[in-house]
Structures are given as C-alpha cells and as structure tokens.
N, C-alpha and C. Protein backbone atom coordinates (compact mmCIF):
# COMPACT_ATOMS: atom_id res chain seq x y z
N MET A 1 21.77 35.92 17.52
CA MET A 1 20.42 35.50 16.71
C MET A 1 20.02 34.12 17.25
N PRO A 2 18.81 33.83 17.81
CA PRO A 2 18.57 32.32 18.00
C PRO A 2 18.21 31.71 16.61
N ILE A 3 18.54 30.43 16.66
CA ILE A 3 18.25 29.40 15.64
C ILE A 3 16.89 29.12 15.77
N PRO A 4 16.04 29.15 14.67
CA PRO A 4 14.50 28.74 14.83
C PRO A 4 14.61 27.30 14.90
N GLN A 5 13.43 26.75 15.56
CA GLN A 5 13.21 25.34 15.55
C GLN A 5 12.78 24.91 14.20
N THR A 6 13.52 24.01 13.69
CA THR A 6 13.22 23.50 12.37
C THR A 6 12.59 22.25 12.08
N TYR A 7 11.96 21.86 13.20
CA TYR A 7 11.34 20.48 13.10
C TYR A 7 10.04 20.68 13.74
N LEU A 8 9.12 19.69 13.59
CA LEU A 8 7.98 19.56 14.30
C LEU A 8 8.21 18.15 14.87
N LEU A 9 7.96 18.15 16.23
CA LEU A 9 8.19 16.75 17.06
C LEU A 9 7.45 15.69 16.59
N THR A 10 6.11 16.13 16.15
CA THR A 10 5.30 15.14 15.40
C THR A 10 4.68 15.70 14.19
N ALA A 11 4.28 14.77 13.29
CA ALA A 11 3.69 15.35 12.14
C ALA A 11 2.50 16.34 12.12
N PRO A 12 2.48 17.27 11.25
CA PRO A 12 1.28 18.27 11.42
C PRO A 12 -0.07 17.79 11.19
N ASN A 13 -0.13 16.54 10.48
CA ASN A 13 -1.51 15.98 10.32
C ASN A 13 -1.47 14.44 10.46
N ASP A 14 -2.48 13.76 10.55
CA ASP A 14 -2.48 12.34 10.74
C ASP A 14 -2.34 11.69 9.14
N LYS A 15 -2.57 12.50 8.22
CA LYS A 15 -2.63 11.92 6.61
C LYS A 15 -1.19 11.17 6.30
N ASP A 16 -0.13 11.83 6.79
CA ASP A 16 1.28 11.54 6.59
C ASP A 16 2.05 11.57 7.82
N PRO A 17 1.99 10.61 8.67
CA PRO A 17 2.69 10.70 9.96
C PRO A 17 4.38 10.69 9.84
N PHE A 18 4.68 9.91 8.75
CA PHE A 18 6.23 9.86 8.56
C PHE A 18 6.83 10.78 7.66
N GLY A 19 6.09 11.43 6.72
CA GLY A 19 6.65 12.54 5.83
C GLY A 19 7.46 11.84 4.82
N ARG A 20 8.51 12.55 4.38
CA ARG A 20 9.48 12.17 3.43
C ARG A 20 10.55 11.49 4.07
N GLY A 21 10.82 10.19 3.83
CA GLY A 21 11.92 9.58 4.34
C GLY A 21 13.28 9.74 3.68
N ILE A 22 14.35 9.74 4.41
CA ILE A 22 15.65 9.72 3.86
C ILE A 22 16.54 8.54 4.50
N SER A 23 17.18 7.82 3.49
CA SER A 23 18.04 6.75 4.23
C SER A 23 19.22 7.29 4.99
N SER A 24 19.57 6.55 6.07
CA SER A 24 20.73 7.12 6.80
C SER A 24 21.90 7.14 6.11
N ASN A 25 22.15 6.32 5.09
CA ASN A 25 23.39 6.30 4.28
C ASN A 25 23.40 7.61 3.33
N ASP A 26 22.29 7.91 2.74
CA ASP A 26 22.14 9.02 1.96
C ASP A 26 22.44 10.36 2.95
N MET A 27 21.76 10.30 4.08
CA MET A 27 21.94 11.51 4.97
C MET A 27 23.40 11.86 5.19
N LEU A 28 24.01 10.74 5.68
CA LEU A 28 25.44 10.90 6.15
C LEU A 28 26.38 11.20 4.83
N ARG A 29 26.10 10.71 3.76
CA ARG A 29 26.84 10.95 2.51
C ARG A 29 26.76 12.43 2.26
N LYS A 30 25.64 12.92 2.30
CA LYS A 30 25.27 14.43 1.82
C LYS A 30 25.79 15.32 3.03
N LEU A 31 25.79 14.90 4.26
CA LEU A 31 26.22 15.80 5.33
C LEU A 31 27.76 15.91 5.14
N LYS A 32 28.35 14.63 4.90
CA LYS A 32 29.85 14.67 4.69
C LYS A 32 30.31 15.56 3.59
N LYS A 33 29.41 15.63 2.47
CA LYS A 33 29.67 16.66 1.33
C LYS A 33 29.75 18.02 1.87
N ILE A 34 28.76 18.34 2.82
CA ILE A 34 28.75 19.73 3.33
C ILE A 34 29.74 19.99 4.26
N ASN A 35 30.36 19.08 5.08
CA ASN A 35 31.24 19.26 6.08
C ASN A 35 32.01 17.97 6.24
N GLN A 36 33.26 17.90 5.87
CA GLN A 36 34.22 16.60 5.87
C GLN A 36 34.38 16.14 7.31
N LYS A 37 34.03 17.02 8.33
CA LYS A 37 34.38 16.60 9.73
C LYS A 37 33.26 15.85 10.34
N ILE A 38 32.09 15.73 9.49
CA ILE A 38 30.92 14.89 10.02
C ILE A 38 31.19 13.48 9.86
N TRP A 39 30.91 12.68 10.81
CA TRP A 39 31.17 11.31 10.61
C TRP A 39 30.25 10.48 11.58
N ALA A 40 29.94 9.24 11.31
CA ALA A 40 29.14 8.42 12.08
C ALA A 40 29.82 7.18 12.83
N ALA A 41 29.54 6.85 13.99
CA ALA A 41 30.11 5.92 14.65
C ALA A 41 29.66 4.52 14.01
N THR A 42 30.27 3.54 14.29
CA THR A 42 29.94 2.17 13.81
C THR A 42 28.66 1.85 14.37
N THR A 43 27.75 1.29 13.48
CA THR A 43 26.45 0.91 14.06
C THR A 43 26.45 -0.08 15.29
N TYR A 44 25.68 0.18 16.20
CA TYR A 44 25.49 -0.71 17.21
C TYR A 44 24.77 -1.96 17.17
N PRO A 45 25.36 -3.14 17.57
CA PRO A 45 24.49 -4.36 17.26
C PRO A 45 23.20 -4.41 17.85
N MET A 46 22.36 -5.24 17.22
CA MET A 46 21.02 -5.41 17.58
C MET A 46 20.73 -5.50 19.07
N HIS A 47 21.61 -6.29 19.84
CA HIS A 47 21.34 -6.55 21.15
C HIS A 47 22.00 -5.60 22.24
N ILE A 48 22.59 -4.54 21.69
CA ILE A 48 23.27 -3.47 22.66
C ILE A 48 22.36 -2.36 22.61
N GLU A 49 22.04 -1.60 23.65
CA GLU A 49 21.21 -0.55 23.74
C GLU A 49 22.01 0.66 23.25
N ALA A 50 21.59 1.45 22.39
CA ALA A 50 22.32 2.57 21.82
C ALA A 50 22.37 3.80 22.85
N PRO A 51 23.34 4.32 23.07
CA PRO A 51 23.49 5.52 23.93
C PRO A 51 22.70 6.67 23.41
N SER A 52 22.03 7.51 24.27
CA SER A 52 21.41 8.67 24.10
C SER A 52 19.92 8.54 23.57
N ILE A 53 19.68 7.49 22.93
CA ILE A 53 18.31 7.43 22.39
C ILE A 53 17.54 6.22 23.05
N GLY A 54 18.24 5.42 23.78
CA GLY A 54 17.47 4.27 24.72
C GLY A 54 16.83 3.35 23.90
N ILE A 55 17.18 3.01 22.87
CA ILE A 55 16.44 1.91 22.09
C ILE A 55 17.60 0.88 21.69
N ALA A 56 17.04 -0.29 21.53
CA ALA A 56 17.97 -1.51 21.08
C ALA A 56 17.99 -1.49 19.61
N GLY A 57 18.92 -1.88 18.89
CA GLY A 57 18.93 -2.08 17.52
C GLY A 57 19.74 -1.14 16.77
N GLY A 58 19.56 -1.11 15.34
CA GLY A 58 20.41 -0.43 14.44
C GLY A 58 20.34 1.00 14.73
N ALA A 59 21.32 1.36 15.52
CA ALA A 59 21.57 2.83 15.86
C ALA A 59 22.98 3.26 15.82
N THR A 60 23.21 4.61 15.67
CA THR A 60 24.58 5.07 15.63
C THR A 60 24.53 6.44 16.06
N CYS A 61 25.61 7.12 16.17
CA CYS A 61 25.86 8.56 16.54
C CYS A 61 26.49 9.33 15.49
N LEU A 62 26.01 10.54 15.38
CA LEU A 62 26.58 11.44 14.44
C LEU A 62 27.46 12.25 15.20
N TRP A 63 28.73 12.41 14.65
CA TRP A 63 29.68 13.22 15.40
C TRP A 63 30.36 14.49 14.47
N PHE A 64 31.04 15.46 15.09
CA PHE A 64 31.61 16.48 14.37
C PHE A 64 32.94 16.70 14.87
N GLY A 65 33.95 16.36 14.04
CA GLY A 65 35.51 16.48 14.57
C GLY A 65 36.36 15.49 13.84
N PRO A 66 37.50 15.30 14.34
CA PRO A 66 38.35 14.24 13.78
C PRO A 66 37.63 12.98 13.62
N SER A 67 37.77 12.28 12.45
CA SER A 67 37.07 11.03 12.24
C SER A 67 37.50 9.94 13.16
N GLY A 68 36.68 9.24 13.76
CA GLY A 68 37.03 8.06 14.65
C GLY A 68 37.49 8.35 15.94
N ASP A 69 37.61 9.63 16.31
CA ASP A 69 38.08 10.06 17.42
C ASP A 69 36.98 10.71 18.53
N THR A 70 36.33 9.82 19.29
CA THR A 70 35.20 10.39 19.99
C THR A 70 35.63 11.30 21.09
N THR A 71 36.87 11.27 21.57
CA THR A 71 37.34 12.18 22.61
C THR A 71 37.69 13.59 22.22
N ALA A 72 38.04 13.64 20.88
CA ALA A 72 38.21 15.03 20.38
C ALA A 72 37.06 15.50 19.37
N SER A 73 36.08 14.76 19.16
CA SER A 73 34.84 15.31 18.46
C SER A 73 33.65 15.74 19.33
N ARG A 74 32.84 16.20 18.88
CA ARG A 74 31.52 16.59 19.53
C ARG A 74 30.46 15.82 19.03
N LYS A 75 29.72 15.11 20.00
CA LYS A 75 28.50 14.36 19.60
C LYS A 75 27.24 15.31 19.20
N ILE A 76 26.84 15.05 17.96
CA ILE A 76 25.72 15.75 17.47
C ILE A 76 24.41 15.18 18.00
N THR A 77 24.17 13.86 17.63
CA THR A 77 22.89 13.14 18.16
C THR A 77 23.18 11.72 17.72
N GLY A 78 22.39 10.89 18.46
CA GLY A 78 22.08 9.55 18.14
C GLY A 78 21.04 9.36 17.27
N PHE A 79 20.88 8.33 16.43
CA PHE A 79 19.72 8.13 15.42
C PHE A 79 19.69 6.77 15.01
N THR A 80 18.46 6.23 14.72
CA THR A 80 18.35 4.97 14.27
C THR A 80 18.90 4.91 12.83
N THR A 81 19.46 3.55 12.28
CA THR A 81 19.95 3.61 10.92
C THR A 81 18.70 2.93 10.04
N GLY A 82 18.84 3.19 8.66
CA GLY A 82 17.84 2.74 7.88
C GLY A 82 17.15 3.96 7.29
N MET A 83 15.86 3.79 7.12
CA MET A 83 15.03 4.91 6.60
C MET A 83 14.62 5.75 7.75
N ILE A 84 14.99 7.09 7.72
CA ILE A 84 14.87 8.08 8.66
C ILE A 84 13.42 8.71 8.34
N PRO A 85 12.56 8.81 9.16
CA PRO A 85 11.32 9.64 8.68
C PRO A 85 11.60 11.12 8.82
N GLU A 86 10.60 11.83 8.19
CA GLU A 86 10.91 13.32 8.21
C GLU A 86 10.57 14.04 9.70
N PHE A 87 9.54 13.27 10.34
CA PHE A 87 9.10 13.66 11.67
C PHE A 87 9.53 12.76 12.71
N THR A 88 9.90 13.20 13.90
CA THR A 88 10.26 12.40 15.01
C THR A 88 9.00 11.50 15.42
N GLN A 89 9.25 10.22 15.70
CA GLN A 89 8.21 9.21 15.90
C GLN A 89 8.13 8.96 17.40
N LEU A 90 6.95 8.97 17.92
CA LEU A 90 6.72 8.79 19.27
C LEU A 90 5.79 7.51 19.71
N ASP A 91 6.14 6.85 20.79
CA ASP A 91 5.22 5.86 21.16
C ASP A 91 4.00 6.35 21.84
N MET A 92 3.15 5.58 22.25
CA MET A 92 1.98 5.96 22.92
C MET A 92 2.27 6.73 24.27
N ASP A 93 3.33 6.51 24.91
CA ASP A 93 3.71 7.19 26.13
C ASP A 93 4.28 8.61 25.94
N GLY A 94 4.67 8.83 24.61
CA GLY A 94 5.54 10.01 24.33
C GLY A 94 6.85 9.98 24.30
N ASN A 95 7.33 8.68 24.41
CA ASN A 95 8.88 8.31 24.09
C ASN A 95 9.18 8.42 22.73
N ILE A 96 10.47 8.93 22.61
CA ILE A 96 10.86 8.95 21.22
C ILE A 96 11.35 7.52 20.72
N ILE A 97 10.83 7.17 19.55
CA ILE A 97 11.15 5.92 18.93
C ILE A 97 12.27 6.04 17.99
N ALA A 98 12.10 7.16 17.19
CA ALA A 98 13.04 7.38 16.07
C ALA A 98 13.07 8.88 15.89
N LEU A 99 14.25 9.48 15.81
CA LEU A 99 14.38 10.91 15.43
C LEU A 99 14.11 11.07 14.04
N GLY A 100 13.25 12.07 13.70
CA GLY A 100 13.11 12.53 12.32
C GLY A 100 14.37 13.39 11.81
N TRP A 101 14.48 13.43 10.38
CA TRP A 101 15.70 14.04 9.93
C TRP A 101 15.57 15.53 10.10
N ARG A 102 14.35 16.15 10.32
CA ARG A 102 14.33 17.65 10.78
C ARG A 102 15.05 17.92 11.94
N ARG A 103 14.79 17.11 12.95
CA ARG A 103 15.27 17.23 14.25
C ARG A 103 16.90 16.96 14.21
N ILE A 104 17.31 15.92 13.50
CA ILE A 104 18.63 15.66 13.29
C ILE A 104 19.36 16.85 12.78
N PHE A 105 18.81 17.37 11.66
CA PHE A 105 19.28 18.54 10.88
C PHE A 105 19.32 19.74 11.93
N GLU A 106 18.47 19.93 12.65
CA GLU A 106 18.50 21.00 13.57
C GLU A 106 19.47 21.02 14.60
N LYS A 107 19.87 19.63 15.12
CA LYS A 107 20.88 19.46 16.04
C LYS A 107 22.25 19.70 15.51
N ALA A 108 22.42 19.36 14.25
CA ALA A 108 23.67 19.69 13.38
C ALA A 108 23.93 20.95 13.26
N ILE A 109 22.84 22.01 12.94
CA ILE A 109 22.94 23.27 12.89
C ILE A 109 23.17 23.96 14.17
N ARG A 110 22.49 23.62 15.29
CA ARG A 110 22.83 24.03 16.61
C ARG A 110 24.17 23.67 17.01
N LYS A 111 24.87 22.73 16.80
CA LYS A 111 26.12 22.44 17.02
C LYS A 111 27.23 22.98 15.97
N ARG A 112 26.69 23.81 15.17
CA ARG A 112 27.44 24.51 14.20
C ARG A 112 28.42 23.71 13.14
N ALA A 113 27.69 22.45 13.04
CA ALA A 113 28.49 21.61 12.06
C ALA A 113 28.29 21.85 10.66
N VAL A 114 26.88 22.22 10.45
CA VAL A 114 26.40 22.59 9.16
C VAL A 114 25.66 24.09 9.10
N ARG A 115 25.40 24.45 7.93
CA ARG A 115 24.61 25.66 7.84
C ARG A 115 23.19 25.32 7.38
N ALA A 116 22.18 26.01 7.81
CA ALA A 116 20.88 25.57 7.27
C ALA A 116 20.64 25.59 5.74
N ILE A 117 21.22 26.80 5.26
CA ILE A 117 21.24 26.91 3.74
C ILE A 117 21.88 25.70 2.94
N ASP A 118 22.94 25.29 3.49
CA ASP A 118 23.73 24.05 2.85
C ASP A 118 22.79 22.87 2.95
N VAL A 119 22.26 22.74 4.13
CA VAL A 119 21.43 21.42 4.29
C VAL A 119 20.15 21.59 3.42
N GLU A 120 19.51 22.71 3.25
CA GLU A 120 18.38 22.84 2.38
C GLU A 120 18.72 22.55 0.92
N ASN A 121 19.94 23.05 0.41
CA ASN A 121 20.36 22.85 -0.95
C ASN A 121 20.70 21.30 -1.06
N ALA A 122 21.37 20.77 -0.33
CA ALA A 122 21.84 19.46 -0.47
C ALA A 122 20.75 18.41 -0.46
N PHE A 123 19.79 18.61 0.33
CA PHE A 123 18.66 17.66 0.48
C PHE A 123 17.34 18.17 -0.04
N ASN A 124 17.42 19.37 -0.75
CA ASN A 124 16.25 19.89 -1.45
C ASN A 124 14.97 19.85 -0.63
N VAL A 125 15.22 20.45 0.57
CA VAL A 125 14.21 20.75 1.46
C VAL A 125 14.16 22.15 2.01
N THR A 126 13.11 22.51 2.77
CA THR A 126 13.17 23.66 3.47
C THR A 126 13.05 23.47 4.94
N LEU A 127 13.81 24.17 5.78
CA LEU A 127 13.64 23.91 7.25
C LEU A 127 13.02 24.96 7.82
N ASP A 128 12.65 26.04 7.29
CA ASP A 128 11.85 27.15 8.03
C ASP A 128 10.50 26.90 7.84
N ILE A 129 9.87 26.37 8.82
CA ILE A 129 8.48 26.11 8.85
C ILE A 129 7.68 26.55 10.08
N GLU A 130 6.56 26.84 9.88
CA GLU A 130 5.47 27.29 11.03
C GLU A 130 4.37 26.49 11.00
N GLY A 131 4.49 25.33 11.78
CA GLY A 131 3.31 24.36 11.69
C GLY A 131 3.45 23.39 10.59
N THR A 132 3.59 24.00 9.30
CA THR A 132 3.90 23.08 8.08
C THR A 132 4.81 24.15 7.26
N ASP A 133 5.52 23.58 6.30
CA ASP A 133 6.31 24.35 5.35
C ASP A 133 5.33 25.25 4.44
N ASP A 134 5.72 26.40 4.16
CA ASP A 134 4.98 27.39 3.21
C ASP A 134 5.24 26.95 1.84
N LEU A 135 5.29 25.55 1.54
CA LEU A 135 5.43 24.91 0.38
C LEU A 135 4.37 24.14 -0.33
N CYS A 136 4.21 24.07 -1.64
CA CYS A 136 3.25 23.25 -2.15
C CYS A 136 3.38 21.70 -1.72
N ILE A 137 2.24 21.26 -1.10
CA ILE A 137 2.28 19.89 -0.61
C ILE A 137 2.61 18.88 -1.71
N SER A 138 2.00 19.10 -2.80
CA SER A 138 2.08 18.07 -3.82
C SER A 138 3.57 18.06 -4.39
N CYS A 139 4.16 19.39 -4.47
CA CYS A 139 5.57 19.57 -5.09
C CYS A 139 6.57 18.81 -3.95
N ARG A 140 6.25 19.09 -2.72
CA ARG A 140 7.15 18.67 -1.58
C ARG A 140 7.08 17.23 -1.59
N LYS A 141 6.12 16.47 -1.90
CA LYS A 141 6.13 14.91 -1.73
C LYS A 141 6.88 14.39 -3.01
N ALA A 142 7.07 15.32 -4.13
CA ALA A 142 7.89 14.95 -5.19
C ALA A 142 9.30 15.28 -4.96
N GLY A 143 9.68 16.01 -3.89
CA GLY A 143 11.06 16.39 -3.65
C GLY A 143 11.36 17.86 -4.28
N LYS A 144 10.35 18.44 -4.67
CA LYS A 144 10.60 19.86 -5.37
C LYS A 144 10.30 20.97 -4.23
N ILE A 145 11.07 22.02 -4.31
CA ILE A 145 10.90 23.25 -3.49
C ILE A 145 10.08 24.18 -4.40
N VAL A 146 8.75 24.32 -4.19
CA VAL A 146 7.86 25.37 -4.91
C VAL A 146 6.97 25.96 -3.88
N PRO A 147 7.13 27.23 -3.64
CA PRO A 147 6.27 28.09 -2.76
C PRO A 147 4.79 27.79 -3.06
N ALA A 148 3.99 27.83 -1.81
CA ALA A 148 2.62 27.70 -2.01
C ALA A 148 2.00 28.98 -2.12
N THR A 149 1.10 29.04 -3.04
CA THR A 149 0.43 30.49 -3.26
C THR A 149 -0.96 30.56 -2.93
N SER A 150 -1.57 29.50 -2.34
CA SER A 150 -3.03 29.42 -2.05
C SER A 150 -3.03 29.05 -0.50
N LYS A 151 -4.23 29.19 0.05
CA LYS A 151 -4.28 28.91 1.48
C LYS A 151 -4.44 27.46 1.67
N ASN A 152 -4.56 26.53 0.77
CA ASN A 152 -4.69 25.02 0.80
C ASN A 152 -3.28 24.60 0.41
N HIS A 153 -2.17 25.37 0.53
CA HIS A 153 -0.88 24.92 0.41
C HIS A 153 -0.54 24.36 -0.84
N GLN A 154 -1.03 24.90 -1.92
CA GLN A 154 -0.63 24.35 -3.33
C GLN A 154 -0.11 25.47 -4.09
N CYS A 155 0.82 25.24 -5.03
CA CYS A 155 1.35 26.07 -6.06
C CYS A 155 0.28 26.43 -7.03
N ASP A 156 0.71 27.34 -7.90
CA ASP A 156 -0.34 27.84 -8.89
C ASP A 156 -0.75 26.58 -9.84
N PHE A 157 0.30 25.76 -10.13
CA PHE A 157 0.06 24.63 -11.15
C PHE A 157 -1.00 23.66 -10.46
N HIS A 158 -0.64 23.29 -9.23
CA HIS A 158 -1.58 22.19 -8.60
C HIS A 158 -2.97 22.76 -8.23
N ARG A 159 -2.85 24.11 -7.89
CA ARG A 159 -4.22 24.75 -7.50
C ARG A 159 -5.00 24.71 -8.84
N GLN A 160 -4.51 24.98 -10.00
CA GLN A 160 -5.27 25.01 -11.27
C GLN A 160 -5.63 23.57 -11.58
N VAL A 161 -4.85 22.52 -11.21
CA VAL A 161 -5.19 21.18 -11.49
C VAL A 161 -6.52 20.78 -10.56
N LEU A 162 -6.38 21.32 -9.34
CA LEU A 162 -7.54 21.00 -8.33
C LEU A 162 -8.88 21.78 -8.91
N ASP A 163 -8.54 23.13 -9.25
CA ASP A 163 -9.71 23.86 -9.77
C ASP A 163 -10.38 23.03 -11.05
N ASN A 164 -9.53 22.67 -11.92
CA ASN A 164 -10.14 21.98 -13.19
C ASN A 164 -10.79 20.60 -12.86
N ALA A 165 -10.23 19.98 -11.83
CA ALA A 165 -10.83 18.75 -11.51
C ALA A 165 -12.19 19.02 -10.78
N GLU A 166 -12.36 19.98 -10.08
CA GLU A 166 -13.61 20.57 -9.45
C GLU A 166 -14.65 20.96 -10.71
N VAL A 167 -14.15 21.66 -11.49
CA VAL A 167 -15.01 22.03 -12.63
C VAL A 167 -15.56 20.77 -13.25
N GLY A 168 -14.70 19.86 -13.57
CA GLY A 168 -14.98 18.67 -14.21
C GLY A 168 -16.04 17.91 -13.45
N ARG A 169 -15.84 17.91 -12.05
CA ARG A 169 -16.86 17.14 -11.37
C ARG A 169 -18.19 17.79 -11.37
N GLN A 170 -18.08 19.28 -11.37
CA GLN A 170 -19.43 19.96 -11.42
C GLN A 170 -20.24 19.71 -12.82
N LYS A 171 -19.51 19.62 -13.93
CA LYS A 171 -20.20 19.43 -15.18
C LYS A 171 -20.82 17.98 -15.25
N ALA A 172 -20.09 17.01 -14.64
CA ALA A 172 -20.60 15.65 -14.56
C ALA A 172 -21.81 15.59 -13.79
N VAL A 173 -21.91 16.42 -12.66
CA VAL A 173 -23.15 16.28 -11.88
C VAL A 173 -24.23 16.99 -12.67
N GLU A 174 -24.02 18.15 -13.44
CA GLU A 174 -24.84 18.87 -14.18
C GLU A 174 -25.50 17.89 -15.19
N GLU A 175 -24.55 17.18 -16.05
CA GLU A 175 -25.07 16.47 -17.11
C GLU A 175 -25.83 15.25 -16.54
N ARG A 176 -25.67 14.57 -15.42
CA ARG A 176 -26.29 13.57 -14.79
C ARG A 176 -27.81 14.19 -14.54
N TYR A 177 -27.83 15.40 -13.94
CA TYR A 177 -29.08 15.93 -13.60
C TYR A 177 -29.98 16.17 -14.87
N LEU A 178 -29.29 16.55 -15.93
CA LEU A 178 -30.20 17.03 -17.17
C LEU A 178 -30.51 15.65 -17.72
N GLU A 179 -29.79 14.63 -17.71
CA GLU A 179 -30.16 13.25 -18.29
C GLU A 179 -31.35 12.78 -17.32
N GLN A 180 -31.31 12.87 -16.22
CA GLN A 180 -32.57 12.40 -15.22
C GLN A 180 -33.70 13.20 -15.52
N ARG A 181 -33.59 14.56 -15.87
CA ARG A 181 -34.82 15.42 -16.12
C ARG A 181 -35.44 15.04 -17.52
N ARG A 182 -34.56 14.53 -18.51
CA ARG A 182 -35.02 14.33 -19.78
C ARG A 182 -35.57 12.89 -19.73
N ALA A 183 -35.39 12.09 -18.73
CA ALA A 183 -35.79 10.62 -18.90
C ALA A 183 -37.18 10.77 -18.12
C-alpha cells in the first residue's frame, strides 16, 4: 500500500504561508519519544554549507539507527534548525529554503522510522490532507484536532460563532437603517 503524500510543498493559501511552526528541538525530542533510534547530527556551523539542502547556516540531519554512527544509520533528511514552518518554504526560483515539518514527517514515515499515527498523536496534528486538512481552521491554529463540519472548514462551534456574528452585523445594519428613516 503506498504511503499518501502528507505535505503540501507550499501553503494552500497566501493568508498563512508558514502555518503552525514547531521548534526543531521540540520536534527532535518528540520524535525520539516515538522511536529511540532517531537522532540528529551536530548542527553545522553558519559558514559551512549543509549537505542535502544546499543552504548555509543552522542546519542538521535527521538519522535513524545507532546514535552518532552515520555509517550504520540511515539518513532521513536534512533540515534547518530553529523554528520549522508547517509548509516547505521556496524562494522566487522554486528552490527549497526550508523544509516544512509536514515534509520532514513524511520522509521519516517513508523511511519507516516512525508511524503516521504516532506522529499525529505526539504532535497533535493530522497528516492526511487533500489540499488542506479536513479540520476546523480555527481549532487547528490553537493546536486542537477537531473535524470540520461545514464547507468553510469550521467545526460546529466555530460555525455557530460565525453565524452569530453575521446575525449581529445584520441587526446592526437594520437598526442604523431604521434610525436613518426616523430622522
């Protein structure tokens, strides 16, 4: 059975091009909880070009196997250290600037270092997306996993909040109209 692509190469819309960020330290710590054989090489200094991702600066590689032994371990991927965006970031020419955590997780799943369900539970995310997650956008930004129940990707609670706000706006417009007619 093929593994579904669990990342979008770029953000699904321009409103939030970075998505929800995860620090590289938190990502590594949680991945190690899932599988003790996952480790990261020492961060490359700022003046050395990082292998596999072709950028200079705070970068490292994620490995699967005996800790510290690159000859007996399998390389999962290289990534930049610090805050990792949800979506892979591209420059104007389409070159990768920084891998997003969705792509990093997919590579770890493809190398059989972790299972998708374990990643979803540890990071409180969903990786099964078609264009965008079928989750409430507002809940997702808060780090909660709540299925969307409406066509505008909102859960029942947030859809009701939006509906109430719309009703409140309509009442305000009607009141202003009536005040203008009375005057």
